[in-house]
C-alpha atoms as a PDB file:
ATOM      1  CA  MET A   1     112.174 135.576  87.921  1.00  0.00           C
ATOM      2  CA  SER A   2     109.828 135.312  84.946  1.00  0.00           C
ATOM      3  CA  SER A   3     111.376 133.741  81.840  1.00  0.00           C
ATOM      4  CA  ALA A   4     110.247 132.924  78.302  1.00  0.00           C
ATOM      5  CA  VAL A   5     109.420 129.392  79.466  1.00  0.00           C
ATOM      6  CA  HIS A   6     107.323 130.695  82.377  1.00  0.00           C
ATOM      7  CA  GLU A   7     105.385 133.000  80.049  1.00  0.00           C
ATOM      8  CA  ASN A   8     104.861 130.261  77.465  1.00  0.00           C
ATOM      9  CA  VAL A   9     103.518 127.825  80.060  1.00  0.00           C
ATOM     10  CA  LYS A  10     101.292 130.512  81.579  1.00  0.00           C
ATOM     11  CA  ASN A  11      99.818 131.323  78.168  1.00  0.00           C
ATOM     12  CA  TYR A  12      99.464 127.650  77.226  1.00  0.00           C
ATOM     13  CA  TYR A  13      97.405 126.799  80.283  1.00  0.00           C
ATOM     14  CA  GLY A  14      95.695 130.175  80.499  1.00  0.00           C
ATOM     15  CA  SER A  15      94.383 130.468  76.956  1.00  0.00           C
ATOM     16  CA  ARG A  16      94.867 127.262  74.961  1.00  0.00           C
ATOM     17  CA  LEU A  17      93.525 124.723  77.436  1.00  0.00           C
ATOM     18  CA  GLU A  18      89.959 124.830  78.693  1.00  0.00           C
ATOM     19  CA  THR A  19      89.812 121.283  80.092  1.00  0.00           C
ATOM     20  CA  SER A  20      92.115 118.259  80.367  1.00  0.00           C
ATOM     21  CA  ASP A  21      90.627 116.997  77.089  1.00  0.00           C
ATOM     22  CA  ASP A  22      92.577 119.758  75.323  1.00  0.00           C
ATOM     23  CA  LEU A  23      95.908 118.176  76.256  1.00  0.00           C
ATOM     24  CA  GLN A  24      97.643 116.219  73.490  1.00  0.00           C
ATOM     25  CA  THR A  25      98.390 113.213  75.703  1.00  0.00           C
ATOM     26  CA  ASN A  26      96.523 111.100  78.231  1.00  0.00           C
ATOM     27  CA  ALA A  27      98.681 112.498  81.071  1.00  0.00           C
ATOM     28  CA  ALA A  28      95.670 113.868  82.971  1.00  0.00           C
ATOM     29  CA  CYS A  29      93.769 110.593  82.492  1.00  0.00           C
ATOM     30  CA  VAL A  30      96.182 108.040  83.953  1.00  0.00           C
ATOM     31  CA  MET A  31      94.443 105.727  86.382  1.00  0.00           C
ATOM     32  CA  PRO A  32      95.661 105.085  89.936  1.00  0.00           C
ATOM     33  CA  SER A  33      97.718 101.894  90.176  1.00  0.00           C
ATOM     34  CA  ARG A  34      95.968 100.919  93.423  1.00  0.00           C
ATOM     35  CA  PRO A  35      92.481 101.501  94.849  1.00  0.00           C
ATOM     36  CA  LEU A  36      91.804 104.963  96.237  1.00  0.00           C
ATOM     37  CA  PRO A  37      91.258 105.173 100.002  1.00  0.00           C
ATOM     38  CA  LYS A  38      87.639 105.717 101.007  1.00  0.00           C
ATOM     39  CA  SER A  39      88.407 109.130 102.525  1.00  0.00           C
ATOM     40  CA  VAL A  40      89.980 110.318  99.241  1.00  0.00           C
ATOM     41  CA  CYS A  41      87.017 109.069  97.190  1.00  0.00           C
ATOM     42  CA  GLU A  42      84.600 110.889  99.484  1.00  0.00           C
ATOM     43  CA  ALA A  43      86.610 114.118  99.301  1.00  0.00           C
ATOM     44  CA  LEU A  44      86.842 113.952  95.492  1.00  0.00           C
ATOM     45  CA  LYS A  45      83.061 113.603  95.230  1.00  0.00           C
ATOM     46  CA  GLN A  46      82.647 116.890  97.071  1.00  0.00           C
ATOM     47  CA  VAL A  47      85.024 118.949  94.919  1.00  0.00           C
ATOM     48  CA  HIS A  48      83.281 121.511  92.711  1.00  0.00           C
ATOM     49  CA  PRO A  49      82.770 120.233  89.112  1.00  0.00           C
ATOM     50  CA  ASP A  50      84.378 123.336  87.578  1.00  0.00           C
ATOM     51  CA  VAL A  51      87.530 122.664  89.601  1.00  0.00           C
ATOM     52  CA  CYS A  52      87.697 119.041  88.424  1.00  0.00           C
ATOM     53  CA  LYS A  53      87.112 120.048  84.806  1.00  0.00           C
ATOM     54  CA  ARG A  54      90.311 122.092  84.758  1.00  0.00           C
ATOM     55  CA  TYR A  55      92.449 119.402  86.377  1.00  0.00           C
ATOM     56  CA  PHE A  56      95.747 118.942  84.488  1.00  0.00           C
ATOM     57  CA  GLY A  57      97.640 116.683  86.883  1.00  0.00           C
ATOM     58  CA  CYS A  58      99.224 113.366  85.915  1.00  0.00           C
ATOM     59  CA  GLY A  59      98.719 111.410  89.118  1.00  0.00           C
ATOM     60  CA  LEU A  60      97.213 111.551  92.586  1.00  0.00           C
ATOM     61  CA  VAL A  61      99.203 113.430  95.219  1.00  0.00           C
ATOM     62  CA  ILE A  62      97.294 112.504  98.349  1.00  0.00           C
ATOM     63  CA  PRO A  63      99.711 110.977 100.890  1.00  0.00           C
ATOM     64  CA  GLU A  64      98.469 109.280 104.040  1.00  0.00           C
ATOM     65  CA  THR A  65      98.239 110.530 107.633  1.00  0.00           C
ATOM     66  CA  LEU A  66      97.680 114.245 107.018  1.00  0.00           C
ATOM     67  CA  GLU A  67      95.660 115.139 110.097  1.00  0.00           C
ATOM     68  CA  GLY A  68      97.152 118.242 111.680  1.00  0.00           C
ATOM     69  CA  CYS A  69      99.737 118.688 108.907  1.00  0.00           C
ATOM     70  CA  THR A  70     100.584 121.893 107.066  1.00  0.00           C
ATOM     71  CA  VAL A  71     100.718 121.094 103.349  1.00  0.00           C
ATOM     72  CA  LEU A  72     101.955 123.149 100.391  1.00  0.00           C
ATOM     73  CA  ASP A  73     100.692 122.341  96.888  1.00  0.00           C
ATOM     74  CA  LEU A  74     103.179 123.728  94.369  1.00  0.00           C
ATOM     75  CA  VAL A  75     101.271 125.382  91.504  1.00  0.00           C
ATOM     76  CA  SER A  76      97.810 124.183  92.470  1.00  0.00           C
ATOM     77  CA  GLY A  77      96.194 124.940  89.098  1.00  0.00           C
ATOM     78  CA  SER A  78      92.427 124.618  89.486  1.00  0.00           C
ATOM     79  CA  GLY A  79      92.959 123.675  93.128  1.00  0.00           C
ATOM     80  CA  ARG A  80      91.512 120.147  92.961  1.00  0.00           C
ATOM     81  CA  ASP A  81      94.311 118.509  94.943  1.00  0.00           C
ATOM     82  CA  CYS A  82      94.369 121.416  97.407  1.00  0.00           C
ATOM     83  CA  TYR A  83      90.706 120.958  98.220  1.00  0.00           C
ATOM     84  CA  VAL A  84      90.987 117.204  98.620  1.00  0.00           C
ATOM     85  CA  LEU A  85      93.985 117.732 100.893  1.00  0.00           C
ATOM     86  CA  SER A  86      92.093 120.359 102.891  1.00  0.00           C
ATOM     87  CA  LYS A  87      89.323 117.827 103.519  1.00  0.00           C
ATOM     88  CA  LEU A  88      91.818 115.262 104.749  1.00  0.00           C
ATOM     89  CA  ILE A  89      93.683 117.783 106.928  1.00  0.00           C
ATOM     90  CA  VAL A  90      90.684 118.478 109.393  1.00  0.00           C
ATOM     91  CA  ALA A  91      92.002 126.371  91.065  1.00  0.00           C
ATOM     92  CA  SER A  92      90.668 128.763  92.038  1.00  0.00           C
ATOM     93  CA  GLN A  93      90.383 131.277  94.847  1.00  0.00           C
ATOM     94  CA  LYS A  94      86.654 131.752  94.290  1.00  0.00           C
ATOM     95  CA  TYR A  95      85.889 128.168  95.371  1.00  0.00           C
ATOM     96  CA  VAL A  96      87.457 128.454  98.832  1.00  0.00           C
ATOM     97  CA  GLN A  97      84.141 129.353 100.479  1.00  0.00           C
ATOM     98  CA  TYR A  98      82.304 126.647  98.519  1.00  0.00           C
ATOM     99  CA  HIS A  99      84.624 123.925  99.830  1.00  0.00           C
ATOM    100  CA  GLN A 100      84.743 125.410 103.314  1.00  0.00           C
ATOM    101  CA  GLU A 101      80.966 125.032 103.524  1.00  0.00           C
ATOM    102  CA  LYS A 102      80.919 121.682 101.696  1.00  0.00           C
ATOM    103  CA  PHE A 103      83.413 120.176 104.129  1.00  0.00           C
ATOM    104  CA  GLY A 104      81.714 121.763 107.163  1.00  0.00           C
ATOM    105  CA  TYR A 105      84.571 124.039 108.302  1.00  0.00           C
ATOM    106  CA  SER A 106      83.813 127.116 110.397  1.00  0.00           C
ATOM    107  CA  LEU A 107      86.860 128.782 108.816  1.00  0.00           C
ATOM    108  CA  PRO A 108      88.725 127.970 105.580  1.00  0.00           C
ATOM    109  CA  ASN A 109      91.921 125.946 105.971  1.00  0.00           C
ATOM    110  CA  THR A 110      93.137 126.646 102.430  1.00  0.00           C
ATOM    111  CA  VAL A 111      95.062 129.753 101.371  1.00  0.00           C
ATOM    112  CA  PHE A 112      96.243 130.472  97.813  1.00  0.00           C
ATOM    113  CA  VAL A 113      99.402 132.548  97.456  1.00  0.00           C
ATOM    114  CA  LYS A 114     100.974 133.847  94.252  1.00  0.00           C
ATOM    115  CA  GLY A 115     104.663 133.475  93.524  1.00  0.00           C
ATOM    116  CA  TYR A 116     107.332 131.399  91.815  1.00  0.00           C
ATOM    117  CA  MET A 117     108.313 127.894  92.877  1.00  0.00           C
ATOM    118  CA  GLU A 118     111.934 129.005  92.503  1.00  0.00           C
ATOM    119  CA  LYS A 119     111.557 131.585  95.305  1.00  0.00           C
ATOM    120  CA  LEU A 120     109.047 130.393  97.885  1.00  0.00           C
ATOM    121  CA  SER A 121     110.211 132.903 100.492  1.00  0.00           C
ATOM    122  CA  ASP A 122     108.933 135.736  98.269  1.00  0.00           C
ATOM    123  CA  ALA A 123     105.464 134.176  98.571  1.00  0.00           C
ATOM    124  CA  GLY A 124     105.739 134.313 102.370  1.00  0.00           C
ATOM    125  CA  ILE A 125     106.557 130.639 102.909  1.00  0.00           C
ATOM    126  CA  GLN A 126     109.061 130.198 105.733  1.00  0.00           C
ATOM    127  CA  ASN A 127     111.916 127.704 105.842  1.00  0.00           C
ATOM    128  CA  ASN A 128     111.386 124.582 107.985  1.00  0.00           C
ATOM    129  CA  SER A 129     107.663 125.339 108.279  1.00  0.00           C
ATOM    130  CA  LEU A 130     105.857 122.583 106.351  1.00  0.00           C
ATOM    131  CA  ASP A 131     105.064 118.942 107.001  1.00  0.00           C
ATOM    132  CA  VAL A 132     104.324 117.967 103.406  1.00  0.00           C
ATOM    133  CA  VAL A 133     104.929 119.484  99.965  1.00  0.00           C
ATOM    134  CA  VAL A 134     102.932 118.071  97.062  1.00  0.00           C
ATOM    135  CA  SER A 135     103.136 118.771  93.339  1.00  0.00           C
ATOM    136  CA  ASN A 136     101.186 117.377  90.421  1.00  0.00           C
ATOM    137  CA  CYS A 137     102.721 117.545  86.941  1.00  0.00           C
ATOM    138  CA  VAL A 138     104.226 121.026  87.189  1.00  0.00           C
ATOM    139  CA  ILE A 139     107.947 120.515  87.819  1.00  0.00           C
ATOM    140  CA  CYS A 140     108.222 119.204  84.253  1.00  0.00           C
ATOM    141  CA  LEU A 141     107.020 122.661  83.154  1.00  0.00           C
ATOM    142  CA  CYS A 142     109.785 124.437  85.068  1.00  0.00           C
ATOM    143  CA  PRO A 143     113.165 125.239  83.441  1.00  0.00           C
ATOM    144  CA  ASP A 144     115.161 125.207  86.722  1.00  0.00           C
ATOM    145  CA  LYS A 145     114.235 121.995  88.522  1.00  0.00           C
ATOM    146  CA  ARG A 146     117.216 122.016  90.876  1.00  0.00           C
ATOM    147  CA  THR A 147     116.172 125.354  92.338  1.00  0.00           C
ATOM    148  CA  VAL A 148     112.535 124.237  92.684  1.00  0.00           C
ATOM    149  CA  ILE A 149     113.513 121.032  94.503  1.00  0.00           C
ATOM    150  CA  SER A 150     115.987 122.945  96.677  1.00  0.00           C
ATOM    151  CA  GLU A 151     113.228 125.365  97.664  1.00  0.00           C
ATOM    152  CA  ALA A 152     110.963 122.468  98.589  1.00  0.00           C
ATOM    153  CA  TYR A 153     113.760 121.031 100.723  1.00  0.00           C
ATOM    154  CA  LYS A 154     114.256 124.341 102.549  1.00  0.00           C
ATOM    155  CA  VAL A 155     110.597 124.906 103.460  1.00  0.00           C
ATOM    156  CA  LEU A 156     110.075 121.353 104.749  1.00  0.00           C
ATOM    157  CA  LYS A 157     110.632 120.525 108.397  1.00  0.00           C
ATOM    158  CA  GLU A 158     113.008 117.691 109.266  1.00  0.00           C
ATOM    159  CA  GLY A 159     111.011 114.529 108.735  1.00  0.00           C
ATOM    160  CA  GLY A 160     108.858 116.282 106.140  1.00  0.00           C
ATOM    161  CA  GLU A 161     107.820 114.728 102.835  1.00  0.00           C
ATOM    162  CA  LEU A 162     107.885 115.776  99.196  1.00  0.00           C
ATOM    163  CA  TYR A 163     105.145 113.757  97.491  1.00  0.00           C
ATOM    164  CA  TYR A 164     104.664 114.406  93.828  1.00  0.00           C
ATOM    165  CA  SER A 165     103.641 113.166  90.416  1.00  0.00           C
ATOM    166  CA  ASP A 166     105.317 114.291  87.241  1.00  0.00           C
ATOM    167  CA  MET A 167     106.049 113.364  83.655  1.00  0.00           C
ATOM    168  CA  TYR A 168     109.338 111.524  83.053  1.00  0.00           C
ATOM    169  CA  ALA A 169     111.270 110.675  79.898  1.00  0.00           C
ATOM    170  CA  SER A 170     112.832 107.358  78.953  1.00  0.00           C
ATOM    171  CA  GLU A 171     116.073 109.200  78.117  1.00  0.00           C
ATOM    172  CA  VAL A 172     117.534 112.695  78.353  1.00  0.00           C
ATOM    173  CA  VAL A 173     115.388 114.836  76.060  1.00  0.00           C
ATOM    174  CA  PRO A 174     117.224 116.630  73.223  1.00  0.00           C
ATOM    175  CA  ASP A 175     117.819 120.364  73.576  1.00  0.00           C
ATOM    176  CA  SER A 176     115.807 120.877  70.380  1.00  0.00           C
ATOM    177  CA  PHE A 177     112.639 119.927  72.287  1.00  0.00           C
ATOM    178  CA  LYS A 178     113.092 122.997  74.463  1.00  0.00           C
ATOM    179  CA  GLU A 179     112.686 125.301  71.468  1.00  0.00           C
ATOM    180  CA  ASP A 180     109.131 124.068  70.851  1.00  0.00           C
ATOM    181  CA  PRO A 181     106.406 125.896  72.858  1.00  0.00           C
ATOM    182  CA  VAL A 182     103.885 123.045  72.477  1.00  0.00           C
ATOM    183  CA  LEU A 183     106.364 120.455  73.744  1.00  0.00           C
ATOM    184  CA  TRP A 184     107.048 122.749  76.711  1.00  0.00           C
ATOM    185  CA  GLY A 185     103.348 123.264  77.368  1.00  0.00           C
ATOM    186  CA  GLU A 186     102.657 119.530  77.238  1.00  0.00           C
ATOM    187  CA  GLY A 187     105.500 118.850  79.691  1.00  0.00           C
ATOM    188  CA  MET A 188     107.618 116.882  77.203  1.00  0.00           C
ATOM    189  CA  ALA A 189     110.428 119.370  76.666  1.00  0.00           C
ATOM    190  CA  GLY A 190     111.012 119.756  80.395  1.00  0.00           C
ATOM    191  CA  ALA A 191     110.505 116.153  81.485  1.00  0.00           C
ATOM    192  CA  LEU A 192     113.394 114.726  83.485  1.00  0.00           C
ATOM    193  CA  TYR A 193     115.055 111.468  82.521  1.00  0.00           C
ATOM    194  CA  TRP A 194     113.764 109.356  85.411  1.00  0.00           C
ATOM    195  CA  ARG A 195     117.222 108.297  86.595  1.00  0.00           C
ATOM    196  CA  ASP A 196     118.284 111.946  86.865  1.00  0.00           C
ATOM    197  CA  LEU A 197     115.556 112.463  89.474  1.00  0.00           C
ATOM    198  CA  ILE A 198     117.377 110.126  91.862  1.00  0.00           C
ATOM    199  CA  THR A 199     120.702 111.937  91.440  1.00  0.00           C
ATOM    200  CA  LEU A 200     119.059 115.342  91.822  1.00  0.00           C
ATOM    201  CA  MET A 201     117.279 114.409  95.051  1.00  0.00           C
ATOM    202  CA  ASN A 202     120.385 112.913  96.637  1.00  0.00           C
ATOM    203  CA  ASP A 203     122.508 115.927  95.637  1.00  0.00           C
ATOM    204  CA  ILE A 204     120.071 118.305  97.347  1.00  0.00           C
ATOM    205  CA  GLY A 205     119.894 116.221 100.527  1.00  0.00           C
ATOM    206  CA  PHE A 206     116.648 114.306 100.197  1.00  0.00           C
ATOM    207  CA  SER A 207     116.309 110.580 100.724  1.00  0.00           C
ATOM    208  CA  THR A 208     116.294 108.246  97.747  1.00  0.00           C
ATOM    209  CA  PRO A 209     112.890 108.590  96.007  1.00  0.00           C
ATOM    210  CA  HIS A 210     110.297 105.878  96.608  1.00  0.00           C
ATOM    211  CA  LEU A 211     108.158 105.051  93.578  1.00  0.00           C
ATOM    212  CA  VAL A 212     104.454 104.871  94.432  1.00  0.00           C
ATOM    213  CA  ALA A 213     102.758 104.655  91.015  1.00  0.00           C
ATOM    214  CA  GLY A 214     103.621 104.612  87.314  1.00  0.00           C
ATOM    215  CA  SER A 215     101.632 104.775  84.070  1.00  0.00           C
ATOM    216  CA  HIS A 216     102.616 105.104  80.432  1.00  0.00           C
ATOM    217  CA  ILE A 217     101.708 108.406  78.780  1.00  0.00           C
ATOM    218  CA  VAL A 218     100.236 108.070  75.308  1.00  0.00           C
ATOM    219  CA  VAL A 219     100.705 110.849  72.738  1.00  0.00           C
ATOM    220  CA  HIS A 220      97.563 111.289  70.655  1.00  0.00           C
ATOM    221  CA  ASN A 221      98.738 114.027  68.293  1.00  0.00           C
ATOM    222  CA  PRO A 222     100.597 112.610  65.207  1.00  0.00           C
ATOM    223  CA  GLU A 223     102.683 115.785  64.805  1.00  0.00           C
ATOM    224  CA  ILE A 224     103.894 115.589  68.400  1.00  0.00           C
ATOM    225  CA  GLN A 225     104.611 111.877  67.925  1.00  0.00           C
ATOM    226  CA  ARG A 226     106.834 112.814  64.986  1.00  0.00           C
ATOM    227  CA  LYS A 227     108.640 115.500  66.994  1.00  0.00           C
ATOM    228  CA  THR A 228     109.345 113.299  70.021  1.00  0.00           C
ATOM    229  CA  GLY A 229     110.499 110.288  67.990  1.00  0.00           C
ATOM    230  CA  ASP A 230     111.851 107.476  70.149  1.00  0.00           C
ATOM    231  CA  VAL A 231     111.538 109.334  73.458  1.00  0.00           C
ATOM    232  CA  LYS A 232     108.848 107.704  75.603  1.00  0.00           C
ATOM    233  CA  TYR A 233     107.026 109.262  78.517  1.00  0.00           C
ATOM    234  CA  ALA A 234     105.524 107.987  81.746  1.00  0.00           C
ATOM    235  CA  SER A 235     103.764 109.426  84.749  1.00  0.00           C
ATOM    236  CA  GLY A 236     105.553 108.664  88.006  1.00  0.00           C
ATOM    237  CA  THR A 237     104.500 109.382  91.582  1.00  0.00           C
ATOM    238  CA  TYR A 238     107.321 109.468  94.125  1.00  0.00           C
ATOM    239  CA  ARG A 239     107.615 110.148  97.822  1.00  0.00           C
ATOM    240  CA  ILE A 240     110.865 111.637  99.128  1.00  0.00           C
ATOM    241  CA  PHE A 241     111.805 112.657 102.676  1.00  0.00           C
ATOM    242  CA  LYS A 242     113.931 115.287 104.375  1.00  0.00           C
ATOM    243  CA  LEU A 243     115.594 113.176 107.041  1.00  0.00           C
ATOM    244  CA  PRO A 244     117.538 114.596 109.996  1.00  0.00           C
ATOM    245  CA  GLN A 245     121.227 114.855 109.199  1.00  0.00           C
ATOM    246  CA  ASN A 246     122.138 112.846 112.291  1.00  0.00           C
ATOM    247  CA  SER A 247     119.521 110.103 111.822  1.00  0.00           C
ATOM    248  CA  ILE A 248     120.755 106.601 112.663  1.00  0.00           C
ATOM    249  CA  LYS A 249     121.219 104.492 109.529  1.00  0.00           C
ATOM    250  CA  THR A 250     120.915 100.821 110.418  1.00  0.00           C
ATOM    251  CA  ARG A 251     118.492  98.103 109.411  1.00  0.00           C
ATOM    252  CA  ALA A 252     115.424  97.620 111.598  1.00  0.00           C
ATOM    253  CA  LEU A 253     112.632  95.209 112.397  1.00  0.00           C
ATOM    254  CA  VAL A 254     109.344  97.077 111.997  1.00  0.00           C
ATOM    255  CA  THR A 255     105.777  96.068 112.786  1.00  0.00           C
ATOM    256  CA  TYR A 256     102.860  98.043 111.385  1.00  0.00           C
ATOM    257  CA  LYS A 257     100.126  98.700 113.963  1.00  0.00           C
ATOM    258  CA  GLY A 258      97.241  99.065 111.501  1.00  0.00           C
ATOM    259  CA  THR A 259      96.652 102.658 112.524  1.00  0.00           C
ATOM    260  CA  VAL A 260      97.018 104.592 109.250  1.00  0.00           C
ATOM    261  CA  PRO A 261      93.498 105.774 108.255  1.00  0.00           C
ATOM    262  CA  ASP A 262      91.885 103.562 105.581  1.00  0.00           C
ATOM    263  CA  CYS A 263      94.740 101.045 105.972  1.00  0.00           C
ATOM    264  CA  ALA A 264      93.603  98.811 108.831  1.00  0.00           C
ATOM    265  CA  GLU A 265      94.932  95.550 107.369  1.00  0.00           C
ATOM    266  CA  CYS A 266      97.831  96.689 105.200  1.00  0.00           C
ATOM    267  CA  PHE A 267      99.741  99.920 104.541  1.00  0.00           C
ATOM    268  CA  GLU A 268     101.178 100.165 101.020  1.00  0.00           C
ATOM    269  CA  PHE A 269     103.986 102.635 101.527  1.00  0.00           C
ATOM    270  CA  ASP A 270     105.140 102.454  97.915  1.00  0.00           C
ATOM    271  CA  ALA A 271     105.280  99.997  95.020  1.00  0.00           C
ATOM    272  CA  SER A 272     108.019  97.959  96.762  1.00  0.00           C
ATOM    273  CA  HIS A 273     107.017  98.150 100.433  1.00  0.00           C
ATOM    274  CA  SER A 274     103.744  96.790 101.775  1.00  0.00           C
ATOM    275  CA  PHE A 275     103.318  96.397 105.535  1.00  0.00           C
ATOM    276  CA  LYS A 276     100.698  94.000 106.889  1.00  0.00           C
ATOM    277  CA  THR A 277      99.265  94.709 110.296  1.00  0.00           C
ATOM    278  CA  ASN A 278     101.094  92.992 113.193  1.00  0.00           C
ATOM    279  CA  ALA A 279     103.524  91.258 110.796  1.00  0.00           C
ATOM    280  CA  PRO A 280     107.180  92.059 111.643  1.00  0.00           C
ATOM    281  CA  VAL A 281     109.393  92.741 108.615  1.00  0.00           C
ATOM    282  CA  GLU A 282     113.051  93.699 108.290  1.00  0.00           C
ATOM    283  CA  VAL A 283     113.753  96.868 106.324  1.00  0.00           C
ATOM    284  CA  GLY A 284     116.875  98.613 105.059  1.00  0.00           C
ATOM    285  CA  ALA A 285     118.613 101.505 106.777  1.00  0.00           C
ATOM    286  CA  GLU A 286     116.999 104.332 104.850  1.00  0.00           C
ATOM    287  CA  MET A 287     113.483 102.928 105.160  1.00  0.00           C
ATOM    288  CA  ALA A 288     114.113 102.433 108.863  1.00  0.00           C
ATOM    289  CA  ALA A 289     115.190 106.073 109.152  1.00  0.00           C
ATOM    290  CA  ILE A 290     112.066 107.203 107.295  1.00  0.00           C
ATOM    291  CA  LEU A 291     109.685 105.237 109.503  1.00  0.00           C
ATOM    292  CA  GLN A 292     111.490 106.376 112.647  1.00  0.00           C
ATOM    293  CA  ASN A 293     111.844 110.110 111.839  1.00  0.00           C
ATOM    294  CA  THR A 294     108.640 111.083 110.018  1.00  0.00           C
ATOM    295  CA  ARG A 295     104.942 111.401 110.823  1.00  0.00           C
ATOM    296  CA  PHE A 296     104.655 107.629 110.309  1.00  0.00           C
ATOM    297  CA  SER A 297     106.693 106.817 113.421  1.00  0.00           C
ATOM    298  CA  THR A 298     103.647 106.376 115.675  1.00  0.00           C
ATOM    299  CA  ASN A 299     102.190 103.793 113.266  1.00  0.00           C
ATOM    300  CA  PHE A 300     105.074 101.337 113.733  1.00  0.00           C
ATOM    301  CA  ASN A 301     106.910  99.477 116.444  1.00  0.00           C
ATOM    302  CA  ILE A 302     110.555  99.793 115.463  1.00  0.00           C
ATOM    303  CA  THR A 303     113.555  97.815 116.712  1.00  0.00           C
ATOM    304  CA  MET A 304     116.897  98.921 115.313  1.00  0.00           C
ATOM    305  CA  LEU A 305     119.267  96.111 114.316  1.00  0.00           C
ATOM    306  CA  ALA A 306     123.043  95.903 114.298  1.00  0.00           C
ATOM    307  CA  THR A 307     123.188  93.927 111.035  1.00  0.00           C
ATOM    308  CA  PRO A 308     124.816  95.614 108.022  1.00  0.00           C
ATOM    309  CA  ASP A 309     122.543  97.046 105.330  1.00  0.00           C
ATOM    310  CA  THR A 310     122.914  94.615 102.441  1.00  0.00           C
ATOM    311  CA  ASP A 311     120.667  96.836 100.283  1.00  0.00           C
ATOM    312  CA  GLN A 312     123.483  99.329  99.904  1.00  0.00           C
ATOM    313  CA  SER A 313     125.664  99.133  96.810  1.00  0.00           C
ATOM    314  CA  SER A 314     128.437 101.269  95.358  1.00  0.00           C
ATOM    315  CA  THR A 315     126.593 101.214  92.021  1.00  0.00           C
ATOM    316  CA  PRO A 316     122.860 100.869  92.736  1.00  0.00           C
ATOM    317  CA  GLN A 317     120.761 100.126  89.661  1.00  0.00           C
ATOM    318  CA  TYR A 318     117.467 101.582  90.931  1.00  0.00           C
ATOM    319  CA  CYS A 319     115.478  99.582  88.360  1.00  0.00           C
ATOM    320  CA  HIS A 320     112.651  99.255  90.877  1.00  0.00           C
ATOM    321  CA  LEU A 321     112.264 103.048  90.738  1.00  0.00           C
ATOM    322  CA  SER A 322     111.535 103.190  86.995  1.00  0.00           C
ATOM    323  CA  PRO A 323     107.958 104.363  86.278  1.00  0.00           C
ATOM    324  CA  PHE A 324     108.224 102.660  82.884  1.00  0.00           C
ATOM    325  CA  LEU A 325     108.936  99.225  84.378  1.00  0.00           C
ATOM    326  CA  LEU A 326     106.200  99.662  86.969  1.00  0.00           C
ATOM    327  CA  ALA A 327     103.738 100.681  84.246  1.00  0.00           C
ATOM    328  CA  ASP A 328     104.670  97.546  82.287  1.00  0.00           C
ATOM    329  CA  LYS A 329     104.145  95.432  85.390  1.00  0.00           C
ATOM    330  CA  LEU A 330     100.748  96.974  86.074  1.00  0.00           C
ATOM    331  CA  GLY A 331      99.579  96.787  82.471  1.00  0.00           C
ATOM    332  CA  SER A 332     100.044 100.538  82.040  1.00  0.00           C
ATOM    333  CA  SER A 333      96.845 101.466  83.932  1.00  0.00           C
ATOM    334  CA  VAL A 334      95.991 103.844  81.073  1.00  0.00           C
ATOM    335  CA  LYS A 335      92.520 105.268  80.626  1.00  0.00           C
ATOM    336  CA  GLN A 336      91.725 106.426  77.098  1.00  0.00           C
ATOM    337  CA  CYS A 337      90.569 110.033  76.834  1.00  0.00           C
ATOM    338  CA  SER A 338      87.928 111.451  74.542  1.00  0.00           C
ATOM    339  CA  LYS A 339      90.619 112.955  72.321  1.00  0.00           C
ATOM    340  CA  THR A 340      92.107 109.545  71.415  1.00  0.00           C
ATOM    341  CA  GLY A 341      91.111 109.763  67.776  1.00  0.00           C
ATOM    342  CA  HIS A 342      92.548 113.241  67.195  1.00  0.00           C
END
């Protein structure tokens, strides 16, 4: 399973990078586009400093309503996201006991397994066994994204969610980028053109992606700027669902109950859907199917409608799913890193 790309990425992150400051972009410094829930802030404060120091993610992959869920973090790195998730559910193996004691668990609820994202069954992960799969800026480092996404689809239960942040390109990256080990290590050579993500997910069987957050990625290294030319990069966080094949696809009137933790007054599902408590709103067929068939179903009163779904189009533009446009709208939400002047 190991390839030249796998070995290059392993060496890049194993020997060249000590902390996120060693990256040549601000990818690990992008700021959340909305306030962090109180429970996430509290969990982050309790994560070991050495784990946070070696955080190389490009977003925050902490979806809501995780109590009782089984969650897989693809390529956990230092383990920062894993430990935050473990706190919300009720990197490094050596910190498991530290976080078990810090969070007050009698037994650890985090297990690290070694394997390839392209073959999750070899790591002992069963099909249809997980509620949520998360990933933070690692699929851009993988040469075979279709296989990785297909594996995520297989291990998720029906109604399960793939929630992940990654680096995306403003256009299809040239093949020449893939010959450069630094561009691979920084995620630029393997970054998907953002529109191709939508096609890939639909081909595999997932729902249309829902964009949660977006930030521009700034390249600090002049040599890398020269190599990448006009190709721009952004961090995008998407949530995608494995819906039942026979799920009913009609519009619906939904009313949020105010029961998602930390979201008593309003639940921001993504950048385009915000549900106020006790305020009925009509949603399209796919959103209706998501709210009806996932772990969010108990948080909504749902009335299916017979009206046609006017959101559907033979040639959807998906502009609202562009992380670049969302970053522009939000003023980029970029935090400058200490390496800015390099």
